[in-house]
Amino acid sequence: MQHVSPVREPLVTGGKTYHDVTQDVCRQVEAAPNVRWMAALSVALLLLGVFFYSVYRTLWYGIGEWGLNKTVGWAWDITNFVWWVGIGHAGTLISAVLLLFRQKWRTSINRAAEAMTIFAVICAAMFPVLHMGRPWLAFWVFPLQNTFGSLWVNFNSPLLWDVFAISTYFSVSLVFWYTGLVPDFATIRDRAKGPIAKVAYSLLSFGWKGSAKHWSRYETVSLILAGVSTPLVLSVHTIVSMDFATSVVPGWHTTIFPPYFVAGAIFSGFAMVLTLMLITRVVFKLEDYITIEHIALMNKIMMITGSIVGVAYITEFFIAWYSGVEFEQYAFINRATGPYWWAYWSMMTCNVITPQLVWFRRVRYSIPLTFILSIIVNIGMWFERFVIIVTSLHRDYLPSSWAMFSPTIIDIGIYVGTIGLFFTLFLLFAKFFPVINMAEVKSVLKYTVDNGPTYTGHDAAHHAHQPATTHGVPASASVNYDKHD
């Protein structure tokens, strides 16, 4: 007698075999671009053109093209910088932390999330470089020998810590992402028919042969990189938060910023992953790989991190009251009731109230509602950064210097342009690189063993009297791997 325990829903649906996985993922790379992809790329390139024009105006006429003033010296640019860095956080969390915790559901979404991380960090890096006013001197932020005098970077400045943290984050994420691509590049190389494609993917695959030694080294390197990347999930946005927390500006000078920023980054990152995955699964017909269960699990993480962010908002007000410092108290009262009240309450609505809808199963498993929710969360997280930066600066200790900030068309153009840059890079990635990790998805298929599968659940009765076989078994069938007499 054999006891069969209930199993979870399969991570890949549709009765896929190993061959089906290869076909479904490679089809997007090998086929000619479809109309939907071309239309999306056209819109992204149009926005990218807006970005180049806005950058040209900034470089030619100077930072005066932006809406900054003597009181609000940081505003739209740093808001967008922190927003993009936050979006890039989910990729490392999915690829590194969930790998170490052996969460198999990550396999269908980790490739696109890692790519999203790299592209988001590229977009984020644009803003500090442009804000320098003389970006051709950007290399001065690195501790290089200076032959023009005794100039040296200030190692006590969080802005320099940002340079090291984000460059390290980008480098490790890039290596991690590319390492995962190598086996899949080899698969495409072996299927390639055109000479250009064959040479290109041969170079990209680094001579991968799929031998036991190659797989052993691949898994070892993946674990090492996951271990190196995990601290980065916490450190990068912690250091970004110190740009503000180490100052003495009321509203910024608080120790809650590091964990608060990390939770917010994961929150906004998962929202963007959901936005991209919901579009990708429809455009590339990958519904069997990015299933409703994946969406529900990501919704749960988004709800948890959103709740943490909500607690942080409340804690900020409590600490301001408890401190007894009238300037700190005024900074938070001004956020909620001052001239930028609309931004504050938009932030609270989008980041605190809306994610609580995910408690309802109907919302959690609804694709249209999840898509709308993911957009709302990213809008709310942009408002959060705007509220923290602008409302803390525009009214300081001297009322005569109080000022309002309004973005110019160039401010808006650079921001919208980085969205175009992001989607241009992501669309090119999705077309020419495998958007799903074929090797890892195959590892989670519930396939047959020596004496064939033992079916469970609703499949058990149907297959009870059929002989065990290894041919044509649905790879995503619900099976028990224990042999039976």
Protein backbone atom coordinates (compact mmCIF):
# COMPACT_ATOMS: atom_id res chain seq x y z
CA MET A 1 0.00 0.00 0.00
CA GLN A 2 1.29 3.42 -0.90
CA HIS A 3 0.37 6.76 0.61
CA VAL A 4 0.53 9.64 -1.84
CA SER A 5 0.68 13.07 -0.26
CA PRO A 6 -1.01 15.98 -2.04
CA VAL A 7 1.27 18.05 -4.24
CA ARG A 8 1.21 21.70 -5.21
CA GLU A 9 0.03 22.98 -8.53
CA PRO A 10 2.67 22.39 -11.22
CA LEU A 11 4.92 25.35 -11.96
CA VAL A 12 4.57 24.70 -15.69
CA THR A 13 1.16 23.88 -17.13
CA GLY A 14 -0.08 22.60 -20.47
CA GLY A 15 1.56 19.17 -20.40
CA LYS A 16 4.92 20.50 -21.62
CA THR A 17 7.86 18.23 -22.43
CA TYR A 18 11.52 19.24 -22.56
CA HIS A 19 11.23 19.68 -26.32
CA ASP A 20 8.19 21.92 -25.90
CA VAL A 21 10.11 24.20 -23.54
CA THR A 22 12.91 24.62 -26.06
CA GLN A 23 10.49 25.25 -28.90
CA ASP A 24 8.33 27.76 -27.02
CA VAL A 25 11.25 29.86 -25.76
CA CYS A 26 13.44 29.69 -28.89
CA ARG A 27 10.51 30.50 -31.16
CA GLN A 28 10.59 34.16 -30.11
CA VAL A 29 14.32 34.42 -30.84
CA GLU A 30 14.28 32.57 -34.16
CA ALA A 31 11.08 34.01 -35.67
CA ALA A 32 10.85 37.34 -37.45
CA PRO A 33 9.65 40.26 -35.29
CA ASN A 34 5.86 40.40 -35.10
CA VAL A 35 3.72 43.50 -35.51
CA ARG A 36 3.08 43.95 -31.78
CA TRP A 37 6.81 43.90 -31.00
CA MET A 38 7.56 46.38 -33.80
CA ALA A 39 4.78 48.71 -32.60
CA ALA A 40 6.05 48.59 -29.00
CA LEU A 41 9.63 49.21 -30.13
CA SER A 42 8.50 52.18 -32.23
CA VAL A 43 6.86 53.81 -29.20
CA ALA A 44 9.93 53.10 -27.05
CA LEU A 45 12.24 54.61 -29.68
CA LEU A 46 10.03 57.69 -29.90
CA LEU A 47 10.39 58.19 -26.14
CA LEU A 48 14.12 57.54 -26.47
CA GLY A 49 14.27 60.37 -29.01
CA VAL A 50 12.64 62.67 -26.42
CA PHE A 51 15.39 61.60 -24.00
CA PHE A 52 18.21 62.48 -26.41
CA TYR A 53 16.67 65.87 -27.17
CA SER A 54 16.24 66.67 -23.47
CA VAL A 55 19.82 65.60 -22.73
CA TYR A 56 21.06 67.78 -25.58
CA ARG A 57 19.24 70.80 -24.13
CA THR A 58 20.64 70.04 -20.67
CA LEU A 59 24.23 69.74 -21.89
CA TRP A 60 24.06 72.72 -24.24
CA TYR A 61 22.26 75.22 -22.01
CA GLY A 62 23.11 73.77 -18.57
CA ILE A 63 21.22 72.68 -15.46
CA GLY A 64 19.23 75.93 -15.63
CA GLU A 65 16.99 74.06 -18.08
CA TRP A 66 15.69 72.10 -15.07
CA GLY A 67 13.25 73.42 -12.51
CA LEU A 68 15.75 73.57 -9.63
CA ASN A 69 16.20 76.72 -7.55
CA LYS A 70 18.34 77.93 -4.63
CA THR A 71 16.10 76.22 -2.06
CA VAL A 72 15.25 73.00 -3.89
CA GLY A 73 18.63 71.88 -5.24
CA TRP A 74 17.58 68.23 -5.48
CA ALA A 75 14.22 67.35 -6.97
CA TRP A 76 13.05 65.59 -10.13
CA ASP A 77 16.43 64.12 -11.03
CA ILE A 78 17.22 62.49 -7.68
CA THR A 79 13.60 61.36 -7.35
CA ASN A 80 13.96 59.48 -10.63
CA PHE A 81 17.39 58.15 -9.66
CA VAL A 82 16.08 56.56 -6.44
CA TRP A 83 12.96 55.29 -8.24
CA TRP A 84 14.98 53.48 -10.92
CA VAL A 85 17.43 51.99 -8.41
CA GLY A 86 14.46 50.68 -6.44
CA ILE A 87 12.91 49.07 -9.50
CA GLY A 88 16.15 47.19 -10.07
CA HIS A 89 15.97 45.51 -6.67
CA ALA A 90 13.52 42.72 -7.45
CA GLY A 91 15.86 41.13 -9.99
CA THR A 92 18.54 40.43 -7.41
CA LEU A 93 15.99 39.27 -4.87
CA ILE A 94 14.42 36.79 -7.31
CA SER A 95 17.70 35.54 -8.79
CA ALA A 96 19.85 35.40 -5.65
CA VAL A 97 17.80 35.28 -2.44
CA LEU A 98 15.09 32.98 -3.79
CA LEU A 99 17.79 30.72 -5.29
CA LEU A 100 19.44 30.33 -1.88
CA PHE A 101 16.04 29.57 -0.34
CA ARG A 102 15.38 26.97 -3.09
CA GLN A 103 12.20 28.63 -4.30
CA LYS A 104 11.56 26.82 -7.57
CA TRP A 105 8.81 29.19 -8.73
CA ARG A 106 11.50 31.78 -9.52
CA THR A 107 12.71 29.83 -12.57
CA SER A 108 10.20 31.28 -15.05
CA ILE A 109 10.67 34.91 -14.07
CA ASN A 110 14.29 35.25 -12.94
CA ARG A 111 15.78 35.89 -16.41
CA ALA A 112 13.52 38.85 -17.21
CA ALA A 113 13.81 40.20 -13.64
CA GLU A 114 17.62 40.15 -13.85
CA ALA A 115 17.51 41.94 -17.21
CA MET A 116 15.14 44.49 -15.71
CA THR A 117 17.67 45.11 -12.91
CA ILE A 118 20.48 45.89 -15.34
CA PHE A 119 18.38 48.19 -17.53
CA ALA A 120 16.92 50.01 -14.49
CA VAL A 121 20.40 50.67 -13.06
CA ILE A 122 21.52 52.06 -16.45
CA CYS A 123 18.53 54.44 -16.40
CA ALA A 124 19.26 55.42 -12.78
CA ALA A 125 22.90 56.21 -13.54
CA MET A 126 21.85 58.82 -16.12
CA PHE A 127 20.52 61.23 -13.50
CA PRO A 128 23.56 61.79 -11.24
CA VAL A 129 25.81 62.03 -14.30
CA LEU A 130 23.59 64.66 -15.94
CA HIS A 131 23.18 66.51 -12.65
CA MET A 132 26.95 67.04 -12.54
CA GLY A 133 26.49 69.66 -15.23
CA ARG A 134 29.78 68.54 -16.78
CA PRO A 135 29.29 64.81 -17.32
CA TRP A 136 32.54 64.57 -19.30
CA LEU A 137 34.25 64.95 -15.90
CA ALA A 138 32.22 62.13 -14.33
CA PHE A 139 35.38 60.06 -13.86
CA TRP A 140 36.32 62.45 -11.03
CA VAL A 141 33.96 60.51 -8.72
CA PHE A 142 36.39 57.59 -8.77
CA PRO A 143 39.52 57.60 -6.58
CA LEU A 144 41.94 57.95 -9.48
CA GLN A 145 45.30 59.68 -9.48
CA ASN A 146 44.87 63.37 -10.18
CA THR A 147 47.68 65.00 -12.15
CA PHE A 148 46.07 68.45 -11.93
CA GLY A 149 46.53 68.98 -8.20
CA SER A 150 45.76 67.54 -4.77
CA LEU A 151 42.10 66.78 -5.49
CA TRP A 152 40.72 63.60 -3.94
CA VAL A 153 37.23 62.20 -3.45
CA ASN A 154 35.58 62.54 -0.05
CA PHE A 155 35.31 59.00 1.30
CA ASN A 156 33.05 60.26 4.10
CA SER A 157 30.35 61.24 1.61
CA PRO A 158 27.37 58.91 1.02
CA LEU A 159 27.35 60.15 -2.57
CA LEU A 160 30.69 58.40 -3.07
CA TRP A 161 29.34 55.31 -1.32
CA ASP A 162 26.58 55.39 -3.94
CA VAL A 163 29.16 55.18 -6.72
CA PHE A 164 30.76 52.07 -5.24
CA ALA A 165 27.49 50.41 -4.19
CA ILE A 166 25.69 50.86 -7.50
CA SER A 167 28.71 50.02 -9.69
CA THR A 168 29.25 46.84 -7.64
CA TYR A 169 25.56 46.01 -7.86
CA PHE A 170 25.53 46.53 -11.61
CA SER A 171 28.70 44.45 -12.16
CA VAL A 172 27.56 41.47 -10.06
CA SER A 173 24.04 41.56 -11.54
CA LEU A 174 25.46 41.65 -15.07
CA VAL A 175 27.73 38.64 -14.43
CA PHE A 176 24.89 36.72 -12.73
CA TRP A 177 22.51 37.44 -15.61
CA TYR A 178 25.01 36.51 -18.30
CA THR A 179 26.08 33.30 -16.52
CA GLY A 180 22.49 32.09 -16.59
CA LEU A 181 22.24 32.90 -20.30
CA VAL A 182 25.22 30.79 -21.41
CA PRO A 183 23.47 27.35 -21.57
CA ASP A 184 20.51 28.87 -23.40
CA PHE A 185 22.79 30.64 -25.88
CA ALA A 186 24.31 27.24 -26.63
CA THR A 187 20.85 25.79 -27.30
CA ILE A 188 20.07 28.59 -29.76
CA ARG A 189 23.53 28.19 -31.33
CA ASP A 190 22.87 24.51 -32.03
CA ARG A 191 19.50 25.35 -33.62
CA ALA A 192 20.70 28.37 -35.61
CA LYS A 193 20.44 28.14 -39.39
CA GLY A 194 21.84 31.45 -40.57
CA PRO A 195 25.63 31.98 -40.54
CA ILE A 196 25.42 35.30 -38.67
CA ALA A 197 23.20 33.88 -35.95
CA LYS A 198 25.41 30.81 -35.60
CA VAL A 199 28.58 32.89 -35.19
CA ALA A 200 26.91 35.39 -32.85
CA TYR A 201 25.44 32.80 -30.49
CA SER A 202 28.64 30.71 -30.68
CA LEU A 203 30.57 33.69 -29.36
CA LEU A 204 27.95 34.41 -26.71
CA SER A 205 27.85 30.81 -25.47
CA PHE A 206 31.62 30.67 -24.75
CA GLY A 207 31.97 27.13 -26.13
CA TRP A 208 29.38 25.60 -23.83
CA LYS A 209 28.93 21.86 -24.51
CA GLY A 210 26.58 20.84 -21.72
CA SER A 211 29.04 18.36 -20.23
CA ALA A 212 28.84 17.30 -16.59
CA LYS A 213 31.89 19.45 -15.82
CA HIS A 214 30.25 22.50 -17.40
CA TRP A 215 27.03 22.00 -15.45
CA SER A 216 28.95 21.47 -12.22
CA ARG A 217 30.85 24.72 -12.69
CA TYR A 218 27.68 26.53 -13.74
CA GLU A 219 25.85 25.55 -10.55
CA THR A 220 28.88 26.35 -8.38
CA VAL A 221 29.27 29.81 -9.91
CA SER A 222 25.53 30.46 -9.59
CA LEU A 223 25.60 29.69 -5.87
CA ILE A 224 28.70 31.82 -5.31
CA LEU A 225 27.18 34.75 -7.18
CA ALA A 226 23.91 34.31 -5.27
CA GLY A 227 25.86 34.48 -2.01
CA VAL A 228 27.69 37.61 -3.16
CA SER A 229 24.50 39.23 -4.47
CA THR A 230 22.36 38.65 -1.38
CA PRO A 231 24.08 41.32 0.76
CA LEU A 232 23.65 43.71 -2.17
CA VAL A 233 19.85 43.42 -1.86
CA LEU A 234 20.19 45.07 1.55
CA SER A 235 23.26 47.25 1.04
CA VAL A 236 22.49 49.13 -2.19
CA HIS A 237 19.30 50.86 -1.15
CA THR A 238 20.61 51.22 2.40
CA ILE A 239 23.46 53.32 1.02
CA VAL A 240 21.08 55.24 -1.27
CA SER A 241 18.97 56.07 1.80
CA MET A 242 22.08 57.41 3.54
CA ASP A 243 22.23 60.18 0.93
CA PHE A 244 19.39 61.60 2.99
CA ALA A 245 19.64 60.01 6.44
CA THR A 246 23.17 61.29 7.16
CA SER A 247 22.10 64.91 6.61
CA VAL A 248 20.58 67.21 9.24
CA VAL A 249 17.58 68.21 7.11
CA PRO A 250 14.27 67.73 9.02
CA GLY A 251 12.38 64.85 7.42
CA TRP A 252 15.60 63.16 6.29
CA HIS A 253 17.61 62.78 9.48
CA THR A 254 16.13 59.49 10.66
CA THR A 255 17.49 55.99 11.29
CA ILE A 256 14.42 54.26 9.83
CA PHE A 257 15.44 55.15 6.28
CA PRO A 258 17.67 52.09 5.48
CA PRO A 259 15.09 49.31 6.16
CA TYR A 260 12.30 51.55 4.90
CA PHE A 261 14.08 52.17 1.59
CA VAL A 262 14.97 48.48 1.14
CA ALA A 263 11.35 47.39 1.66
CA GLY A 264 10.16 50.12 -0.71
CA ALA A 265 12.68 49.05 -3.34
CA ILE A 266 11.53 45.42 -3.24
CA PHE A 267 7.92 46.65 -3.29
CA SER A 268 8.38 48.77 -6.43
CA GLY A 269 10.67 46.18 -8.04
CA PHE A 270 8.09 43.41 -7.80
CA ALA A 271 5.44 45.79 -9.13
CA MET A 272 7.56 46.40 -12.24
CA VAL A 273 8.30 42.67 -12.63
CA LEU A 274 4.55 42.04 -12.59
CA THR A 275 3.97 44.77 -15.16
CA LEU A 276 6.58 43.32 -17.53
CA MET A 277 5.69 39.67 -16.98
CA LEU A 278 1.97 40.20 -17.56
CA ILE A 279 2.76 41.86 -20.89
CA THR A 280 5.44 39.31 -21.84
CA ARG A 281 3.27 36.25 -21.14
CA VAL A 282 0.62 37.54 -23.55
CA VAL A 283 2.84 38.95 -26.31
CA PHE A 284 5.10 35.86 -26.45
CA LYS A 285 2.34 33.34 -25.56
CA LEU A 286 4.07 32.11 -22.40
CA GLU A 287 0.97 31.57 -20.25
CA ASP A 288 2.03 27.98 -19.48
CA TYR A 289 5.34 29.16 -18.00
CA ILE A 290 4.34 32.38 -16.24
CA THR A 291 1.22 30.96 -14.61
CA ILE A 292 -1.43 32.46 -12.39
CA GLU A 293 0.40 30.90 -9.42
CA HIS A 294 3.52 32.92 -10.21
CA ILE A 295 1.41 36.06 -10.32
CA ALA A 296 -0.29 35.25 -7.00
CA LEU A 297 3.04 34.61 -5.26
CA MET A 298 4.48 37.90 -6.52
CA ASN A 299 1.31 39.64 -5.37
CA LYS A 300 1.85 38.26 -1.87
CA ILE A 301 5.41 39.58 -1.71
CA MET A 302 4.20 42.95 -2.97
CA MET A 303 1.50 43.02 -0.30
CA ILE A 304 3.97 42.18 2.50
CA THR A 305 6.54 44.78 1.46
CA GLY A 306 3.77 47.32 0.91
CA SER A 307 2.56 46.73 4.46
CA ILE A 308 6.12 47.24 5.77
CA VAL A 309 6.31 50.53 3.88
CA GLY A 310 2.95 51.57 5.39
CA VAL A 311 4.23 50.85 8.89
CA ALA A 312 7.33 52.95 8.08
CA TYR A 313 5.14 55.90 7.07
CA ILE A 314 3.29 55.74 10.39
CA THR A 315 6.54 55.29 12.34
CA GLU A 316 7.98 58.43 10.75
CA PHE A 317 5.11 60.50 12.13
CA PHE A 318 5.40 58.87 15.54
CA ILE A 319 9.15 59.53 15.77
CA ALA A 320 8.65 63.15 14.69
CA TRP A 321 6.10 63.60 17.49
CA TYR A 322 8.14 61.68 20.05
CA SER A 323 11.32 63.63 19.29
CA GLY A 324 9.78 66.86 20.52
CA VAL A 325 11.67 68.76 17.80
CA GLU A 326 9.30 71.32 16.32
CA PHE A 327 11.20 71.51 13.02
CA GLU A 328 10.92 67.73 12.54
CA GLN A 329 7.23 67.83 13.45
CA TYR A 330 6.57 70.68 11.02
CA ALA A 331 8.32 68.80 8.18
CA PHE A 332 5.81 65.94 8.46
CA ILE A 333 2.77 68.14 9.04
CA ASN A 334 3.81 70.11 5.97
CA ARG A 335 3.95 66.90 3.91
CA ALA A 336 0.37 65.99 4.74
CA THR A 337 -1.24 69.45 4.78
CA GLY A 338 1.16 71.79 2.94
CA PRO A 339 1.30 72.81 -0.72
CA TYR A 340 2.33 69.30 -1.79
CA TRP A 341 -0.48 67.55 0.13
CA TRP A 342 -1.75 66.03 -3.12
CA ALA A 343 1.56 64.19 -3.64
CA TYR A 344 1.55 62.87 -0.06
CA TRP A 345 -1.98 61.54 -0.18
CA SER A 346 -1.41 60.05 -3.64
CA MET A 347 1.54 58.20 -2.14
CA MET A 348 -0.52 56.94 0.82
CA THR A 349 -3.39 55.81 -1.41
CA CYS A 350 -1.18 54.00 -3.91
CA ASN A 351 1.32 52.42 -1.50
CA VAL A 352 -0.66 51.70 1.65
CA ILE A 353 -4.35 51.35 0.85
CA THR A 354 -4.33 49.84 -2.66
CA PRO A 355 -1.97 46.86 -1.95
CA GLN A 356 -4.27 45.69 0.86
CA LEU A 357 -6.72 44.61 -1.84
CA VAL A 358 -4.37 41.70 -2.49
CA TRP A 359 -5.69 40.06 0.70
CA PHE A 360 -8.72 39.13 -1.42
CA ARG A 361 -8.12 35.98 -3.46
CA ARG A 362 -10.20 37.32 -6.34
CA VAL A 363 -7.83 40.29 -6.69
CA ARG A 364 -4.68 38.19 -6.17
CA TYR A 365 -5.59 35.80 -8.97
CA SER A 366 -7.01 38.39 -11.37
CA ILE A 367 -4.66 39.33 -14.21
CA PRO A 368 -6.34 42.66 -15.16
CA LEU A 369 -6.54 43.80 -11.52
CA THR A 370 -2.94 42.75 -10.86
CA PHE A 371 -1.74 44.70 -13.88
CA ILE A 372 -3.60 47.84 -12.76
CA LEU A 373 -2.33 47.37 -9.21
CA SER A 374 1.29 47.05 -10.37
CA ILE A 375 1.02 50.34 -12.29
CA ILE A 376 -0.56 52.08 -9.29
CA VAL A 377 2.21 50.87 -6.97
CA ASN A 378 4.96 52.21 -9.20
CA ILE A 379 3.17 55.56 -9.45
CA GLY A 380 2.90 55.60 -5.67
CA MET A 381 6.57 54.75 -5.18
CA TRP A 382 7.56 57.61 -7.47
CA PHE A 383 5.43 59.95 -5.37
CA GLU A 384 7.10 58.59 -2.22
CA ARG A 385 10.55 59.65 -3.44
CA PHE A 386 9.18 63.00 -4.62
CA VAL A 387 7.55 63.66 -1.23
CA ILE A 388 10.68 62.72 0.74
CA ILE A 389 12.98 64.91 -1.36
CA VAL A 390 10.99 67.99 -2.36
CA THR A 391 8.74 68.55 0.67
CA SER A 392 11.73 68.29 3.01
CA LEU A 393 13.66 70.95 1.07
CA HIS A 394 11.15 73.51 -0.15
CA ARG A 395 10.53 74.93 3.36
CA ASP A 396 13.64 75.16 5.51
CA TYR A 397 14.50 77.07 8.71
CA LEU A 398 14.28 80.51 7.03
CA PRO A 399 10.75 81.34 5.78
CA SER A 400 12.10 84.04 3.44
CA SER A 401 13.88 81.32 1.42
CA TRP A 402 10.82 79.07 1.08
CA ALA A 403 10.16 78.15 -2.53
CA MET A 404 8.10 75.82 -4.68
CA PHE A 405 9.46 73.37 -7.21
CA SER A 406 7.83 72.85 -10.60
CA PRO A 407 9.38 70.56 -13.23
CA THR A 408 10.18 71.99 -16.64
CA ILE A 409 9.45 70.27 -19.93
CA ILE A 410 13.10 69.18 -19.99
CA ASP A 411 12.76 67.55 -16.55
CA ILE A 412 9.73 65.63 -17.76
CA GLY A 413 11.41 64.82 -21.08
CA ILE A 414 14.44 63.20 -19.43
CA TYR A 415 12.23 61.13 -17.13
CA VAL A 416 9.90 59.98 -19.91
CA GLY A 417 12.97 59.37 -22.07
CA THR A 418 14.52 57.00 -19.53
CA ILE A 419 11.27 55.00 -19.63
CA GLY A 420 11.80 54.81 -23.42
CA LEU A 421 15.42 53.73 -22.88
CA PHE A 422 14.31 51.05 -20.43
CA PHE A 423 11.67 49.58 -22.71
CA THR A 424 13.92 49.79 -25.79
CA LEU A 425 16.54 47.71 -24.00
CA PHE A 426 13.96 45.28 -22.62
CA LEU A 427 12.26 44.76 -26.00
CA LEU A 428 15.61 44.11 -27.71
CA PHE A 429 16.48 41.67 -24.93
CA ALA A 430 13.14 39.87 -25.24
CA LYS A 431 13.58 39.48 -28.99
CA PHE A 432 17.21 38.40 -29.31
CA PHE A 433 17.78 36.65 -25.96
CA PRO A 434 15.68 33.82 -24.44
CA VAL A 435 13.30 35.61 -22.09
CA ILE A 436 12.83 32.49 -19.92
CA ASN A 437 15.63 30.36 -18.49
CA MET A 438 15.11 27.11 -20.41
CA ALA A 439 17.64 25.10 -18.40
CA GLU A 440 16.09 25.98 -15.04
CA VAL A 441 12.50 25.59 -16.20
CA LYS A 442 13.33 22.09 -17.43
CA SER A 443 14.70 21.26 -13.99
CA VAL A 444 11.30 21.86 -12.38
CA LEU A 445 9.26 19.84 -14.88
CA LYS A 446 7.69 16.85 -13.14
CA TYR A 447 8.93 14.32 -15.64
CA THR A 448 9.25 10.52 -15.52
CA VAL A 449 11.71 8.30 -13.66
CA ASP A 450 12.97 4.77 -14.31
CA ASN A 451 9.65 2.96 -13.94
CA GLY A 452 7.49 5.81 -15.13
CA PRO A 453 5.44 8.28 -13.13
CA THR A 454 2.92 7.64 -10.41
CA TYR A 455 0.07 10.07 -10.92
CA THR A 456 -1.67 11.81 -8.06
CA GLY A 457 -4.81 13.83 -7.62
CA HIS A 458 -7.34 13.78 -10.46
CA ASP A 459 -4.84 11.98 -12.75
CA ALA A 460 -4.62 8.92 -10.46
CA ALA A 461 -7.89 7.23 -11.39
CA HIS A 462 -7.38 7.74 -15.11
CA HIS A 463 -3.90 6.20 -15.10
CA ALA A 464 -4.42 3.55 -12.41
CA HIS A 465 -4.49 0.59 -14.83
CA GLN A 466 -2.14 1.93 -17.50
CA PRO A 467 1.38 0.49 -17.75
CA ALA A 468 4.22 2.79 -16.72
CA THR A 469 5.96 4.33 -19.67
CA THR A 470 8.54 6.96 -20.34
CA HIS A 471 7.36 8.03 -23.78
CA GLY A 472 5.18 11.11 -24.20
CA VAL A 473 4.57 11.68 -20.51
CA PRO A 474 3.35 15.22 -19.93
CA ALA A 475 6.24 16.99 -18.27
CA SER A 476 3.95 19.08 -16.08
CA ALA A 477 1.79 16.16 -14.93
CA SER A 478 1.29 15.84 -11.18
CA VAL A 479 3.51 12.87 -10.34
CA ASN A 480 5.02 11.06 -7.40
CA TYR A 481 8.66 10.04 -7.87
CA ASP A 482 8.55 7.11 -5.43
CA LYS A 483 8.69 3.78 -7.26
CA HIS A 484 5.95 1.29 -6.55
CA ASP A 485 5.68 -2.47 -6.74
